[in-house]
C-alpha cells in the first residue's frame, strides 16, 4: 500500500522478499513459517515491523526477538492493539 506519505508492504510469505523496495513498515501476516534469514532480508528494506494478530506465535516470537537483538522497531497488534504510524 502506497500513499503520498507512507509506503507499507503487507507480506504473507507468498512473495519473494528479494523483489521488494524500501518501506516505511512491513506488516507480517498469515505467514506459514518465517526464518531468521527472511527476517534479515526484509529488515534490509525497512526499519519497522508490524505483526498482525493472525501471525503464528512461533513466528511472532522469532521476529520480536530478532528485531530486539538488531535494534528494529516492532509493533505486535495482538498485544499492543492498533498500529499508528507516527
N, C-alpha and C. Protein backbone atom coordinates (compact mmCIF):
# COMPACT_ATOMS: atom_id res chain seq x y z
N UNK A 1 0.85 -1.17 0.00
CA UNK A 1 0.00 0.00 0.00
C UNK A 1 0.90 1.23 0.00
N UNK A 2 0.67 2.11 -0.94
CA UNK A 2 1.47 3.33 -1.04
C UNK A 2 0.54 4.53 -1.04
N UNK A 3 0.84 5.48 -0.18
CA UNK A 3 0.14 6.76 -0.17
C UNK A 3 1.21 7.83 -0.39
N UNK A 4 0.81 9.08 -0.57
CA UNK A 4 1.84 10.11 -0.77
C UNK A 4 2.81 10.22 0.41
N UNK A 5 2.38 9.82 1.60
CA UNK A 5 3.25 9.95 2.78
C UNK A 5 3.75 8.63 3.34
N UNK A 6 3.24 7.52 2.88
CA UNK A 6 3.52 6.25 3.54
C UNK A 6 3.60 5.11 2.54
N UNK A 7 4.58 4.25 2.71
CA UNK A 7 4.75 3.08 1.84
C UNK A 7 4.84 1.85 2.75
N UNK A 8 3.81 1.00 2.72
CA UNK A 8 3.72 -0.16 3.61
C UNK A 8 3.58 -1.42 2.77
N UNK A 9 4.32 -2.46 3.15
CA UNK A 9 4.21 -3.76 2.50
C UNK A 9 3.47 -4.72 3.43
N UNK A 10 2.44 -5.38 2.90
CA UNK A 10 1.75 -6.45 3.63
C UNK A 10 2.32 -7.76 3.10
N UNK A 11 3.09 -8.44 3.94
CA UNK A 11 3.83 -9.63 3.50
C UNK A 11 3.26 -10.88 4.17
N UNK A 12 2.81 -11.83 3.33
CA UNK A 12 2.25 -13.07 3.87
C UNK A 12 3.10 -14.29 3.54
N UNK A 13 4.30 -14.04 3.03
CA UNK A 13 5.20 -15.15 2.73
C UNK A 13 5.04 -15.74 1.35
N UNK A 14 4.05 -15.27 0.58
CA UNK A 14 3.85 -15.84 -0.75
C UNK A 14 4.68 -15.14 -1.82
N UNK A 15 5.16 -13.93 -1.52
CA UNK A 15 6.00 -13.23 -2.48
C UNK A 15 7.47 -13.42 -2.12
N UNK A 16 8.33 -13.24 -3.08
CA UNK A 16 9.76 -13.32 -2.84
C UNK A 16 10.22 -12.01 -2.22
N UNK A 17 10.83 -12.07 -1.07
CA UNK A 17 11.28 -10.87 -0.36
C UNK A 17 12.38 -10.14 -1.13
N UNK A 18 13.05 -10.82 -2.03
CA UNK A 18 14.15 -10.20 -2.76
C UNK A 18 13.68 -9.15 -3.76
N UNK A 19 12.42 -9.19 -4.15
CA UNK A 19 11.92 -8.29 -5.19
C UNK A 19 11.36 -6.98 -4.64
N UNK A 20 11.42 -6.79 -3.34
CA UNK A 20 10.80 -5.62 -2.73
C UNK A 20 11.70 -4.39 -2.80
N UNK A 21 11.10 -3.25 -2.47
CA UNK A 21 11.84 -1.99 -2.42
C UNK A 21 12.04 -1.56 -0.98
N UNK A 22 11.99 -0.26 -0.73
CA UNK A 22 12.15 0.29 0.61
C UNK A 22 10.78 0.67 1.14
N UNK A 23 10.50 0.31 2.41
CA UNK A 23 9.18 0.52 3.00
C UNK A 23 9.29 1.21 4.35
N UNK A 24 8.27 2.01 4.67
CA UNK A 24 8.19 2.64 5.99
C UNK A 24 7.90 1.59 7.06
N UNK A 25 7.14 0.58 6.70
CA UNK A 25 6.82 -0.52 7.61
C UNK A 25 6.49 -1.76 6.78
N UNK A 26 6.77 -2.91 7.36
CA UNK A 26 6.37 -4.18 6.75
C UNK A 26 5.46 -4.90 7.74
N UNK A 27 4.24 -5.18 7.29
CA UNK A 27 3.26 -5.89 8.10
C UNK A 27 3.37 -7.37 7.76
N UNK A 28 3.66 -8.19 8.75
CA UNK A 28 3.74 -9.64 8.56
C UNK A 28 2.41 -10.24 9.00
N UNK A 29 1.81 -11.02 8.11
CA UNK A 29 0.52 -11.63 8.44
C UNK A 29 0.39 -12.98 7.77
N UNK A 30 -0.32 -13.89 8.42
CA UNK A 30 -0.64 -15.18 7.85
C UNK A 30 0.54 -16.00 7.36
N UNK A 31 1.72 -15.74 7.88
CA UNK A 31 2.93 -16.46 7.45
C UNK A 31 2.80 -17.96 7.73
N UNK A 32 3.18 -18.80 6.79
CA UNK A 32 3.23 -20.23 7.09
C UNK A 32 4.39 -20.53 8.05
N UNK A 33 5.51 -19.92 7.83
CA UNK A 33 6.68 -20.00 8.71
C UNK A 33 7.69 -19.00 8.17
N UNK A 34 8.38 -18.34 9.07
CA UNK A 34 9.38 -17.35 8.65
C UNK A 34 10.71 -17.72 9.27
N UNK A 35 11.77 -17.54 8.54
CA UNK A 35 13.10 -17.87 9.04
C UNK A 35 13.84 -16.59 9.43
N UNK A 36 14.90 -16.74 10.21
CA UNK A 36 15.72 -15.58 10.57
C UNK A 36 16.32 -14.95 9.32
N UNK A 37 16.68 -15.77 8.34
CA UNK A 37 17.25 -15.24 7.10
C UNK A 37 16.23 -14.36 6.37
N UNK A 38 14.97 -14.78 6.36
CA UNK A 38 13.93 -13.97 5.69
C UNK A 38 13.68 -12.68 6.46
N UNK A 39 13.69 -12.75 7.80
CA UNK A 39 13.53 -11.54 8.60
C UNK A 39 14.66 -10.56 8.30
N UNK A 40 15.88 -11.07 8.23
CA UNK A 40 17.04 -10.22 7.93
C UNK A 40 16.90 -9.59 6.54
N UNK A 41 16.44 -10.34 5.58
CA UNK A 41 16.25 -9.82 4.23
C UNK A 41 15.17 -8.73 4.22
N UNK A 42 14.07 -8.97 4.89
CA UNK A 42 13.01 -7.97 4.99
C UNK A 42 13.51 -6.73 5.74
N UNK A 43 14.31 -6.94 6.76
CA UNK A 43 14.83 -5.82 7.55
C UNK A 43 15.71 -4.89 6.72
N UNK A 44 16.31 -5.41 5.67
CA UNK A 44 17.13 -4.56 4.82
C UNK A 44 16.28 -3.57 4.02
N UNK A 45 14.95 -3.73 4.10
CA UNK A 45 14.04 -2.89 3.33
C UNK A 45 13.13 -2.03 4.20
N UNK A 46 13.35 -2.06 5.53
CA UNK A 46 12.51 -1.28 6.45
C UNK A 46 13.26 -1.07 7.76
N UNK A 47 12.68 -0.28 8.63
CA UNK A 47 13.21 -0.14 9.98
C UNK A 47 12.14 -0.52 11.00
N UNK A 48 10.98 -0.99 10.50
CA UNK A 48 9.85 -1.25 11.38
C UNK A 48 9.04 -2.44 10.90
N UNK A 49 8.77 -3.35 11.83
CA UNK A 49 7.88 -4.49 11.56
C UNK A 49 6.59 -4.32 12.34
N UNK A 50 5.49 -4.70 11.72
CA UNK A 50 4.20 -4.76 12.40
C UNK A 50 3.73 -6.21 12.28
N UNK A 51 3.40 -6.80 13.42
CA UNK A 51 2.96 -8.20 13.46
C UNK A 51 1.44 -8.24 13.60
N UNK A 52 0.77 -8.82 12.61
CA UNK A 52 -0.69 -8.88 12.65
C UNK A 52 -1.14 -9.91 13.69
N UNK A 53 -2.40 -9.80 14.06
CA UNK A 53 -2.94 -10.69 15.08
C UNK A 53 -3.00 -12.15 14.62
N UNK A 54 -3.00 -12.40 13.29
CA UNK A 54 -3.10 -13.79 12.81
C UNK A 54 -1.73 -14.46 12.61
N UNK A 55 -0.66 -13.78 12.95
CA UNK A 55 0.67 -14.37 12.81
C UNK A 55 0.86 -15.48 13.85
N UNK A 56 1.31 -16.67 13.45
CA UNK A 56 1.51 -17.75 14.42
C UNK A 56 2.49 -17.35 15.53
N UNK A 57 2.29 -17.89 16.71
CA UNK A 57 3.07 -17.47 17.87
C UNK A 57 4.56 -17.70 17.71
N UNK A 58 4.97 -18.78 17.05
CA UNK A 58 6.40 -19.03 16.87
C UNK A 58 7.04 -17.96 15.99
N UNK A 59 6.35 -17.57 14.94
CA UNK A 59 6.86 -16.52 14.06
C UNK A 59 6.87 -15.18 14.77
N UNK A 60 5.83 -14.92 15.56
CA UNK A 60 5.74 -13.69 16.35
C UNK A 60 6.94 -13.59 17.30
N UNK A 61 7.25 -14.68 17.97
CA UNK A 61 8.38 -14.70 18.90
C UNK A 61 9.71 -14.53 18.17
N UNK A 62 9.87 -15.22 17.04
CA UNK A 62 11.12 -15.13 16.28
C UNK A 62 11.36 -13.71 15.79
N UNK A 63 10.36 -13.08 15.19
CA UNK A 63 10.53 -11.73 14.66
C UNK A 63 10.75 -10.73 15.80
N UNK A 64 10.01 -10.86 16.87
CA UNK A 64 10.17 -9.95 18.02
C UNK A 64 11.58 -10.05 18.59
N UNK A 65 12.06 -11.25 18.78
CA UNK A 65 13.40 -11.47 19.33
C UNK A 65 14.46 -10.92 18.37
N UNK A 66 14.32 -11.23 17.08
CA UNK A 66 15.29 -10.77 16.09
C UNK A 66 15.32 -9.24 16.07
N UNK A 67 14.15 -8.61 16.03
CA UNK A 67 14.06 -7.15 15.98
C UNK A 67 14.70 -6.51 17.20
N UNK A 68 14.45 -7.07 18.37
CA UNK A 68 15.05 -6.54 19.60
C UNK A 68 16.58 -6.66 19.57
N UNK A 69 17.08 -7.80 19.13
CA UNK A 69 18.53 -8.03 19.08
C UNK A 69 19.23 -7.12 18.07
N UNK A 70 18.51 -6.70 17.03
CA UNK A 70 19.13 -5.92 15.96
C UNK A 70 18.68 -4.46 15.92
N UNK A 71 17.95 -4.02 16.94
CA UNK A 71 17.57 -2.61 17.05
C UNK A 71 16.48 -2.14 16.10
N UNK A 72 15.59 -3.03 15.72
CA UNK A 72 14.48 -2.67 14.84
C UNK A 72 13.20 -2.48 15.66
N UNK A 73 12.39 -1.54 15.23
CA UNK A 73 11.10 -1.32 15.88
C UNK A 73 10.16 -2.46 15.48
N UNK A 74 9.37 -2.92 16.45
CA UNK A 74 8.37 -3.95 16.17
C UNK A 74 7.11 -3.62 16.97
N UNK A 75 5.95 -3.71 16.31
CA UNK A 75 4.67 -3.46 16.96
C UNK A 75 3.82 -4.72 16.79
N UNK A 76 3.39 -5.28 17.90
CA UNK A 76 2.58 -6.50 17.88
C UNK A 76 1.12 -6.14 18.11
N UNK A 77 0.33 -6.20 17.06
CA UNK A 77 -1.08 -5.81 17.15
C UNK A 77 -1.84 -6.67 18.14
N UNK A 78 -1.49 -7.93 18.25
CA UNK A 78 -2.19 -8.84 19.17
C UNK A 78 -2.08 -8.36 20.61
N UNK A 79 -0.93 -7.84 20.99
CA UNK A 79 -0.70 -7.43 22.38
C UNK A 79 -0.73 -5.93 22.58
N UNK A 80 -0.48 -5.15 21.54
CA UNK A 80 -0.40 -3.70 21.70
C UNK A 80 -1.56 -2.95 21.04
N UNK A 81 -2.42 -3.66 20.34
CA UNK A 81 -3.55 -3.02 19.69
C UNK A 81 -3.16 -2.39 18.36
N UNK A 82 -4.02 -1.54 17.85
CA UNK A 82 -3.84 -0.94 16.53
C UNK A 82 -2.52 -0.22 16.42
N UNK A 83 -1.94 -0.30 15.24
CA UNK A 83 -0.68 0.38 14.95
C UNK A 83 -0.97 1.74 14.34
N UNK A 84 -0.36 2.77 14.90
CA UNK A 84 -0.48 4.13 14.38
C UNK A 84 0.90 4.57 13.99
N UNK A 85 1.08 4.88 12.72
CA UNK A 85 2.38 5.32 12.23
C UNK A 85 2.58 6.79 12.59
N UNK A 86 3.66 7.06 13.31
CA UNK A 86 3.95 8.45 13.70
C UNK A 86 5.30 8.84 13.22
